[in-house]
Amino acid sequence: MKQAQWAIAASARIGQLYADFVGQLYTAEIPKDLKVQDEWGNRPQEIFCDALVDKAEPIELKAVEGFDTCLKAATDYSWYNEWSRLCEKELNQMKPSEYPLSSEVKPEAGYVSTTMSPSPVTPELSESTSVGAAQSQSSDK
């Protein structure tokens, strides 16, 4: 069985890894020797930026996949911590229409729900129980 906190944290870190790489591609410096427009009417700077965007988009999908896996693991395990909150925020920034922020309050990590198990009803008390109860009542007097 997987450990909830580690599965969630690992998925979040994978999402962060891809998201960081995508951020570096989107903010890469344009080489200074690229002209705005060359003698043939091409726009080398725009071509360079478009090529970076083309490379970044599939990697961004992997980041979304990592954060989504994190959020699903948190939901499946009912284990909400700083990593699951990070995943929720990152997904909301990347795809706000698909991943709106949750307004519900989630329990803290480590919360264990108590399950009630039915116990059989004893229709009559056994003789030893009734004798013990009677003795304790007489000694209380």
N, C-alpha and C. Protein backbone atom coordinates (compact mmCIF):
# COMPACT_ATOMS: atom_id res chain seq x y z
N MET A 1 0.84 -1.19 0.00
CA MET A 1 0.00 0.00 0.00
C MET A 1 0.88 1.25 0.00
N LYS A 2 0.48 2.22 -0.75
CA LYS A 2 1.24 3.46 -0.82
C LYS A 2 1.02 4.29 0.44
N GLN A 3 2.02 5.06 0.77
CA GLN A 3 1.89 6.01 1.87
C GLN A 3 1.32 7.30 1.30
N ALA A 4 0.21 7.74 1.81
CA ALA A 4 -0.51 8.89 1.25
C ALA A 4 0.37 10.13 1.13
N GLN A 5 1.05 10.50 2.22
CA GLN A 5 1.81 11.75 2.19
C GLN A 5 2.93 11.71 1.16
N TRP A 6 3.55 10.54 0.96
CA TRP A 6 4.65 10.45 -0.01
C TRP A 6 4.14 10.41 -1.43
N ALA A 7 3.03 9.75 -1.67
CA ALA A 7 2.44 9.72 -3.01
C ALA A 7 2.02 11.13 -3.44
N ILE A 8 1.44 11.86 -2.53
CA ILE A 8 0.99 13.23 -2.83
C ILE A 8 2.19 14.14 -3.05
N ALA A 9 3.17 14.06 -2.17
CA ALA A 9 4.36 14.92 -2.29
C ALA A 9 5.14 14.60 -3.57
N ALA A 10 5.28 13.32 -3.91
CA ALA A 10 6.02 12.94 -5.12
C ALA A 10 5.32 13.47 -6.37
N SER A 11 4.01 13.34 -6.43
CA SER A 11 3.26 13.85 -7.58
C SER A 11 3.39 15.37 -7.69
N ALA A 12 3.35 16.04 -6.55
CA ALA A 12 3.48 17.49 -6.54
C ALA A 12 4.86 17.91 -7.05
N ARG A 13 5.91 17.21 -6.60
CA ARG A 13 7.27 17.55 -7.04
C ARG A 13 7.46 17.30 -8.54
N ILE A 14 6.84 16.23 -9.05
CA ILE A 14 6.91 15.98 -10.49
C ILE A 14 6.24 17.12 -11.24
N GLY A 15 5.08 17.53 -10.77
CA GLY A 15 4.40 18.67 -11.40
C GLY A 15 5.24 19.93 -11.33
N GLN A 16 5.89 20.16 -10.18
CA GLN A 16 6.74 21.35 -10.04
C GLN A 16 7.93 21.30 -10.99
N LEU A 17 8.51 20.14 -11.15
CA LEU A 17 9.66 19.98 -12.04
C LEU A 17 9.31 20.41 -13.46
N TYR A 18 8.20 19.87 -13.96
CA TYR A 18 7.79 20.22 -15.32
C TYR A 18 7.35 21.69 -15.41
N ALA A 19 6.65 22.17 -14.40
CA ALA A 19 6.18 23.56 -14.41
C ALA A 19 7.37 24.54 -14.40
N ASP A 20 8.40 24.21 -13.64
CA ASP A 20 9.58 25.06 -13.59
C ASP A 20 10.29 25.10 -14.95
N PHE A 21 10.39 23.94 -15.58
CA PHE A 21 11.03 23.88 -16.90
C PHE A 21 10.24 24.68 -17.92
N VAL A 22 8.92 24.56 -17.87
CA VAL A 22 8.06 25.32 -18.78
C VAL A 22 8.23 26.83 -18.54
N GLY A 23 8.30 27.22 -17.27
CA GLY A 23 8.50 28.63 -16.95
C GLY A 23 9.81 29.16 -17.52
N GLN A 24 10.84 28.33 -17.48
CA GLN A 24 12.13 28.75 -18.04
C GLN A 24 12.06 28.87 -19.56
N LEU A 25 11.31 28.00 -20.21
CA LEU A 25 11.15 28.10 -21.66
C LEU A 25 10.37 29.35 -22.04
N TYR A 26 9.30 29.64 -21.30
CA TYR A 26 8.49 30.82 -21.61
C TYR A 26 9.23 32.12 -21.35
N THR A 27 10.16 32.12 -20.43
CA THR A 27 10.86 33.36 -20.09
C THR A 27 12.30 33.37 -20.59
N ALA A 28 12.62 32.46 -21.51
CA ALA A 28 13.98 32.42 -22.05
C ALA A 28 14.32 33.72 -22.75
N GLU A 29 15.57 34.10 -22.60
CA GLU A 29 16.03 35.34 -23.23
C GLU A 29 16.14 35.14 -24.74
N ILE A 30 15.68 36.13 -25.47
CA ILE A 30 15.78 36.08 -26.93
C ILE A 30 17.21 36.47 -27.30
N PRO A 31 17.88 35.65 -28.12
CA PRO A 31 19.26 35.97 -28.50
C PRO A 31 19.34 37.37 -29.13
N LYS A 32 20.36 38.09 -28.74
CA LYS A 32 20.53 39.48 -29.20
C LYS A 32 20.78 39.58 -30.71
N ASP A 33 21.36 38.54 -31.30
CA ASP A 33 21.66 38.62 -32.73
C ASP A 33 20.45 38.36 -33.62
N LEU A 34 19.30 38.02 -33.05
CA LEU A 34 18.08 37.84 -33.85
C LEU A 34 17.45 39.20 -34.12
N LYS A 35 17.19 39.45 -35.36
CA LYS A 35 16.58 40.73 -35.74
C LYS A 35 15.07 40.65 -35.58
N VAL A 36 14.46 41.82 -35.47
CA VAL A 36 13.01 41.86 -35.41
C VAL A 36 12.46 41.42 -36.76
N GLN A 37 13.08 41.91 -37.82
CA GLN A 37 12.68 41.49 -39.18
C GLN A 37 13.94 41.45 -40.04
N ASP A 38 14.08 40.36 -40.80
CA ASP A 38 15.26 40.26 -41.66
C ASP A 38 14.94 40.80 -43.06
N GLU A 39 15.92 40.71 -43.95
CA GLU A 39 15.77 41.28 -45.29
C GLU A 39 14.73 40.56 -46.15
N TRP A 40 14.30 39.35 -45.77
CA TRP A 40 13.30 38.61 -46.55
C TRP A 40 11.90 38.78 -45.97
N GLY A 41 11.77 39.57 -44.94
CA GLY A 41 10.47 39.82 -44.33
C GLY A 41 10.12 38.85 -43.21
N ASN A 42 11.03 37.92 -42.91
CA ASN A 42 10.80 37.00 -41.78
C ASN A 42 10.99 37.73 -40.46
N ARG A 43 10.41 37.21 -39.45
CA ARG A 43 10.56 37.78 -38.10
C ARG A 43 11.22 36.73 -37.21
N PRO A 44 12.55 36.70 -37.22
CA PRO A 44 13.28 35.68 -36.46
C PRO A 44 12.95 35.64 -34.97
N GLN A 45 12.74 36.80 -34.36
CA GLN A 45 12.41 36.80 -32.92
C GLN A 45 11.08 36.10 -32.66
N GLU A 46 10.09 36.38 -33.51
CA GLU A 46 8.79 35.73 -33.34
C GLU A 46 8.89 34.23 -33.62
N ILE A 47 9.68 33.87 -34.62
CA ILE A 47 9.86 32.44 -34.93
C ILE A 47 10.51 31.73 -33.76
N PHE A 48 11.50 32.37 -33.14
CA PHE A 48 12.17 31.80 -31.99
C PHE A 48 11.18 31.60 -30.83
N CYS A 49 10.39 32.63 -30.55
CA CYS A 49 9.42 32.56 -29.46
C CYS A 49 8.35 31.51 -29.74
N ASP A 50 7.89 31.43 -30.98
CA ASP A 50 6.89 30.42 -31.34
C ASP A 50 7.46 29.01 -31.17
N ALA A 51 8.73 28.82 -31.52
CA ALA A 51 9.36 27.52 -31.36
C ALA A 51 9.45 27.13 -29.88
N LEU A 52 9.75 28.10 -29.02
CA LEU A 52 9.79 27.82 -27.58
C LEU A 52 8.41 27.43 -27.05
N VAL A 53 7.38 28.14 -27.51
CA VAL A 53 6.02 27.83 -27.09
C VAL A 53 5.64 26.42 -27.55
N ASP A 54 6.00 26.08 -28.78
CA ASP A 54 5.71 24.73 -29.30
C ASP A 54 6.39 23.65 -28.47
N LYS A 55 7.59 23.92 -28.00
CA LYS A 55 8.31 22.95 -27.15
C LYS A 55 7.73 22.91 -25.73
N ALA A 56 7.24 24.05 -25.25
CA ALA A 56 6.76 24.14 -23.87
C ALA A 56 5.38 23.52 -23.66
N GLU A 57 4.52 23.58 -24.65
CA GLU A 57 3.14 23.12 -24.47
C GLU A 57 3.03 21.65 -24.05
N PRO A 58 3.73 20.71 -24.70
CA PRO A 58 3.61 19.32 -24.23
C PRO A 58 4.19 19.11 -22.82
N ILE A 59 5.19 19.88 -22.49
CA ILE A 59 5.78 19.77 -21.14
C ILE A 59 4.82 20.35 -20.11
N GLU A 60 4.11 21.39 -20.49
CA GLU A 60 3.11 21.98 -19.59
C GLU A 60 1.99 20.97 -19.31
N LEU A 61 1.63 20.18 -20.30
CA LEU A 61 0.62 19.14 -20.09
C LEU A 61 1.10 18.10 -19.07
N LYS A 62 2.40 17.81 -19.08
CA LYS A 62 2.95 16.88 -18.10
C LYS A 62 2.92 17.48 -16.69
N ALA A 63 3.13 18.79 -16.60
CA ALA A 63 3.02 19.46 -15.30
C ALA A 63 1.59 19.37 -14.78
N VAL A 64 0.64 19.63 -15.66
CA VAL A 64 -0.77 19.54 -15.27
C VAL A 64 -1.10 18.11 -14.83
N GLU A 65 -0.56 17.14 -15.56
CA GLU A 65 -0.79 15.73 -15.21
C GLU A 65 -0.24 15.40 -13.83
N GLY A 66 0.97 15.90 -13.53
CA GLY A 66 1.56 15.66 -12.22
C GLY A 66 0.75 16.28 -11.10
N PHE A 67 0.32 17.53 -11.28
CA PHE A 67 -0.48 18.20 -10.25
C PHE A 67 -1.86 17.54 -10.11
N ASP A 68 -2.43 17.11 -11.24
CA ASP A 68 -3.72 16.44 -11.21
C ASP A 68 -3.62 15.10 -10.47
N THR A 69 -2.55 14.36 -10.71
CA THR A 69 -2.32 13.10 -10.00
C THR A 69 -2.21 13.35 -8.50
N CYS A 70 -1.53 14.41 -8.14
CA CYS A 70 -1.39 14.80 -6.73
C CYS A 70 -2.75 15.06 -6.10
N LEU A 71 -3.58 15.83 -6.78
CA LEU A 71 -4.89 16.17 -6.25
C LEU A 71 -5.79 14.94 -6.16
N LYS A 72 -5.71 14.07 -7.14
CA LYS A 72 -6.51 12.84 -7.10
C LYS A 72 -6.06 11.93 -5.96
N ALA A 73 -4.75 11.85 -5.75
CA ALA A 73 -4.24 11.03 -4.64
C ALA A 73 -4.71 11.60 -3.30
N ALA A 74 -4.68 12.92 -3.17
CA ALA A 74 -5.14 13.54 -1.93
C ALA A 74 -6.62 13.24 -1.70
N THR A 75 -7.39 13.27 -2.76
CA THR A 75 -8.82 12.98 -2.64
C THR A 75 -9.05 11.50 -2.32
N ASP A 76 -8.33 10.62 -3.02
CA ASP A 76 -8.50 9.18 -2.80
C ASP A 76 -8.13 8.78 -1.38
N TYR A 77 -7.05 9.35 -0.87
CA TYR A 77 -6.58 9.00 0.47
C TYR A 77 -7.19 9.87 1.56
N SER A 78 -7.96 10.89 1.16
CA SER A 78 -8.49 11.88 2.11
C SER A 78 -7.37 12.44 2.98
N TRP A 79 -6.27 12.80 2.32
CA TRP A 79 -5.09 13.29 3.00
C TRP A 79 -4.74 14.65 2.40
N TYR A 80 -5.05 15.71 3.10
CA TYR A 80 -4.85 17.06 2.59
C TYR A 80 -3.75 17.73 3.40
N ASN A 81 -2.72 18.19 2.70
CA ASN A 81 -1.60 18.85 3.38
C ASN A 81 -1.08 19.97 2.49
N GLU A 82 0.10 20.49 2.80
CA GLU A 82 0.64 21.61 2.02
C GLU A 82 0.87 21.24 0.57
N TRP A 83 1.18 19.97 0.29
CA TRP A 83 1.41 19.55 -1.11
C TRP A 83 0.11 19.52 -1.89
N SER A 84 -0.94 19.04 -1.30
CA SER A 84 -2.22 19.00 -2.02
C SER A 84 -2.74 20.42 -2.25
N ARG A 85 -2.52 21.32 -1.28
CA ARG A 85 -2.91 22.72 -1.48
C ARG A 85 -2.09 23.36 -2.58
N LEU A 86 -0.79 23.05 -2.64
CA LEU A 86 0.06 23.57 -3.71
C LEU A 86 -0.44 23.10 -5.07
N CYS A 87 -0.78 21.83 -5.17
CA CYS A 87 -1.27 21.27 -6.44
C CYS A 87 -2.56 21.96 -6.88
N GLU A 88 -3.44 22.18 -5.92
CA GLU A 88 -4.70 22.84 -6.23
C GLU A 88 -4.46 24.26 -6.76
N LYS A 89 -3.55 24.99 -6.11
CA LYS A 89 -3.26 26.36 -6.54
C LYS A 89 -2.58 26.39 -7.91
N GLU A 90 -1.63 25.49 -8.12
CA GLU A 90 -0.92 25.45 -9.41
C GLU A 90 -1.88 25.10 -10.55
N LEU A 91 -2.74 24.13 -10.33
CA LEU A 91 -3.71 23.76 -11.37
C LEU A 91 -4.64 24.92 -11.66
N ASN A 92 -5.04 25.63 -10.62
CA ASN A 92 -5.91 26.78 -10.82
C ASN A 92 -5.22 27.88 -11.62
N GLN A 93 -3.92 28.06 -11.42
CA GLN A 93 -3.20 29.07 -12.19
C GLN A 93 -3.02 28.64 -13.65
N MET A 94 -2.79 27.35 -13.87
CA MET A 94 -2.54 26.87 -15.22
C MET A 94 -3.82 26.71 -16.04
N LYS A 95 -4.86 26.21 -15.40
CA LYS A 95 -6.13 25.96 -16.09
C LYS A 95 -7.29 26.31 -15.16
N PRO A 96 -7.55 27.62 -14.99
CA PRO A 96 -8.56 28.04 -14.01
C PRO A 96 -9.98 27.56 -14.31
N SER A 97 -10.34 27.42 -15.58
CA SER A 97 -11.70 26.98 -15.88
C SER A 97 -11.91 25.50 -15.57
N GLU A 98 -10.86 24.71 -15.69
CA GLU A 98 -10.96 23.27 -15.42
C GLU A 98 -10.72 22.93 -13.94
N TYR A 99 -9.94 23.76 -13.26
CA TYR A 99 -9.58 23.49 -11.87
C TYR A 99 -9.84 24.71 -10.98
N PRO A 100 -11.12 24.99 -10.69
CA PRO A 100 -11.39 26.11 -9.79
C PRO A 100 -10.94 25.77 -8.37
N LEU A 101 -10.60 26.80 -7.61
CA LEU A 101 -10.19 26.58 -6.21
C LEU A 101 -11.39 26.09 -5.41
N SER A 102 -11.13 25.15 -4.55
CA SER A 102 -12.18 24.59 -3.71
C SER A 102 -12.48 25.54 -2.57
N SER A 103 -13.75 25.74 -2.31
CA SER A 103 -14.12 26.61 -1.20
C SER A 103 -14.42 25.82 0.07
N GLU A 104 -14.40 24.50 -0.04
CA GLU A 104 -14.70 23.71 1.14
C GLU A 104 -13.47 23.58 2.03
N VAL A 105 -13.73 23.43 3.29
CA VAL A 105 -12.66 23.25 4.27
C VAL A 105 -12.30 21.77 4.29
N LYS A 106 -11.02 21.49 4.17
CA LYS A 106 -10.57 20.10 4.16
C LYS A 106 -9.89 19.79 5.49
N PRO A 107 -10.01 18.57 5.94
CA PRO A 107 -9.34 18.22 7.20
C PRO A 107 -7.83 18.23 7.03
N GLU A 108 -7.14 18.46 8.10
CA GLU A 108 -5.68 18.45 8.08
C GLU A 108 -5.15 17.04 7.86
N ALA A 109 -3.94 16.96 7.36
CA ALA A 109 -3.31 15.66 7.15
C ALA A 109 -3.19 14.92 8.47
N GLY A 110 -3.37 13.64 8.41
CA GLY A 110 -3.28 12.84 9.61
C GLY A 110 -4.63 12.60 10.25
N TYR A 111 -5.65 13.29 9.76
CA TYR A 111 -6.99 13.11 10.29
C TYR A 111 -7.46 11.71 9.93
N VAL A 112 -7.91 11.00 10.90
CA VAL A 112 -8.42 9.65 10.68
C VAL A 112 -9.87 9.63 11.12
N SER A 113 -10.74 9.31 10.19
CA SER A 113 -12.15 9.27 10.55
C SER A 113 -12.42 8.04 11.41
N THR A 114 -13.31 8.20 12.33
CA THR A 114 -13.65 7.08 13.18
C THR A 114 -14.81 6.35 12.53
N THR A 115 -14.68 5.07 12.43
CA THR A 115 -15.76 4.27 11.87
C THR A 115 -16.46 3.57 13.01
N MET A 116 -17.73 3.59 12.94
CA MET A 116 -18.51 2.94 13.99
C MET A 116 -18.84 1.54 13.50
N SER A 117 -18.55 0.59 14.34
CA SER A 117 -18.90 -0.79 14.01
C SER A 117 -20.02 -1.23 14.94
N PRO A 118 -21.03 -1.84 14.38
CA PRO A 118 -22.14 -2.25 15.24
C PRO A 118 -21.71 -3.38 16.17
N SER A 119 -22.18 -3.31 17.36
CA SER A 119 -21.90 -4.38 18.32
C SER A 119 -23.23 -5.08 18.61
N PRO A 120 -23.16 -6.37 18.88
CA PRO A 120 -24.41 -7.11 19.09
C PRO A 120 -25.10 -6.64 20.37
N VAL A 121 -26.38 -6.62 20.31
CA VAL A 121 -27.18 -6.23 21.46
C VAL A 121 -27.39 -7.48 22.32
N THR A 122 -27.16 -7.34 23.61
CA THR A 122 -27.34 -8.45 24.54
C THR A 122 -28.75 -8.35 25.10
N PRO A 123 -29.60 -9.29 24.77
CA PRO A 123 -31.00 -9.17 25.22
C PRO A 123 -31.15 -9.28 26.73
N GLU A 124 -30.35 -10.12 27.38
CA GLU A 124 -30.45 -10.27 28.82
C GLU A 124 -29.04 -10.26 29.40
N LEU A 125 -28.92 -9.76 30.57
CA LEU A 125 -27.63 -9.78 31.23
C LEU A 125 -27.36 -11.17 31.74
N SER A 126 -26.14 -11.57 31.69
CA SER A 126 -25.80 -12.89 32.21
C SER A 126 -25.89 -12.86 33.73
N GLU A 127 -25.96 -14.01 34.32
CA GLU A 127 -26.12 -14.11 35.77
C GLU A 127 -24.93 -13.51 36.50
N SER A 128 -23.71 -13.72 36.00
CA SER A 128 -22.52 -13.19 36.68
C SER A 128 -22.50 -11.68 36.63
N THR A 129 -23.01 -11.10 35.55
CA THR A 129 -23.05 -9.65 35.44
C THR A 129 -24.07 -9.09 36.42
N SER A 130 -25.25 -9.74 36.53
CA SER A 130 -26.26 -9.22 37.45
C SER A 130 -25.82 -9.38 38.90
N VAL A 131 -25.13 -10.47 39.23
CA VAL A 131 -24.65 -10.68 40.59
C VAL A 131 -23.59 -9.64 40.92
N GLY A 132 -22.67 -9.38 39.97
CA GLY A 132 -21.61 -8.39 40.18
C GLY A 132 -22.19 -7.01 40.37
N ALA A 133 -23.22 -6.67 39.62
CA ALA A 133 -23.86 -5.36 39.74
C ALA A 133 -24.56 -5.23 41.07
N ALA A 134 -25.21 -6.31 41.52
CA ALA A 134 -25.92 -6.27 42.79
C ALA A 134 -24.94 -6.13 43.94
N GLN A 135 -23.79 -6.79 43.85
CA GLN A 135 -22.79 -6.70 44.92
C GLN A 135 -22.20 -5.29 44.98
N SER A 136 -21.95 -4.69 43.82
CA SER A 136 -21.37 -3.34 43.84
C SER A 136 -22.37 -2.33 44.37
N GLN A 137 -23.67 -2.57 44.15
CA GLN A 137 -24.68 -1.65 44.68
C GLN A 137 -24.78 -1.77 46.19
N SER A 138 -24.66 -2.99 46.68
CA SER A 138 -24.75 -3.19 48.13
C SER A 138 -23.53 -2.67 48.85
N SER A 139 -22.35 -2.73 48.19
CA SER A 139 -21.14 -2.21 48.82
C SER A 139 -21.08 -0.68 48.78
N ASP A 140 -21.81 -0.06 47.86
CA ASP A 140 -21.85 1.40 47.76
C ASP A 140 -22.67 2.00 48.91
N LYS A 141 -23.55 1.23 49.50
CA LYS A 141 -24.46 1.73 50.55
C LYS A 141 -23.76 1.90 51.83
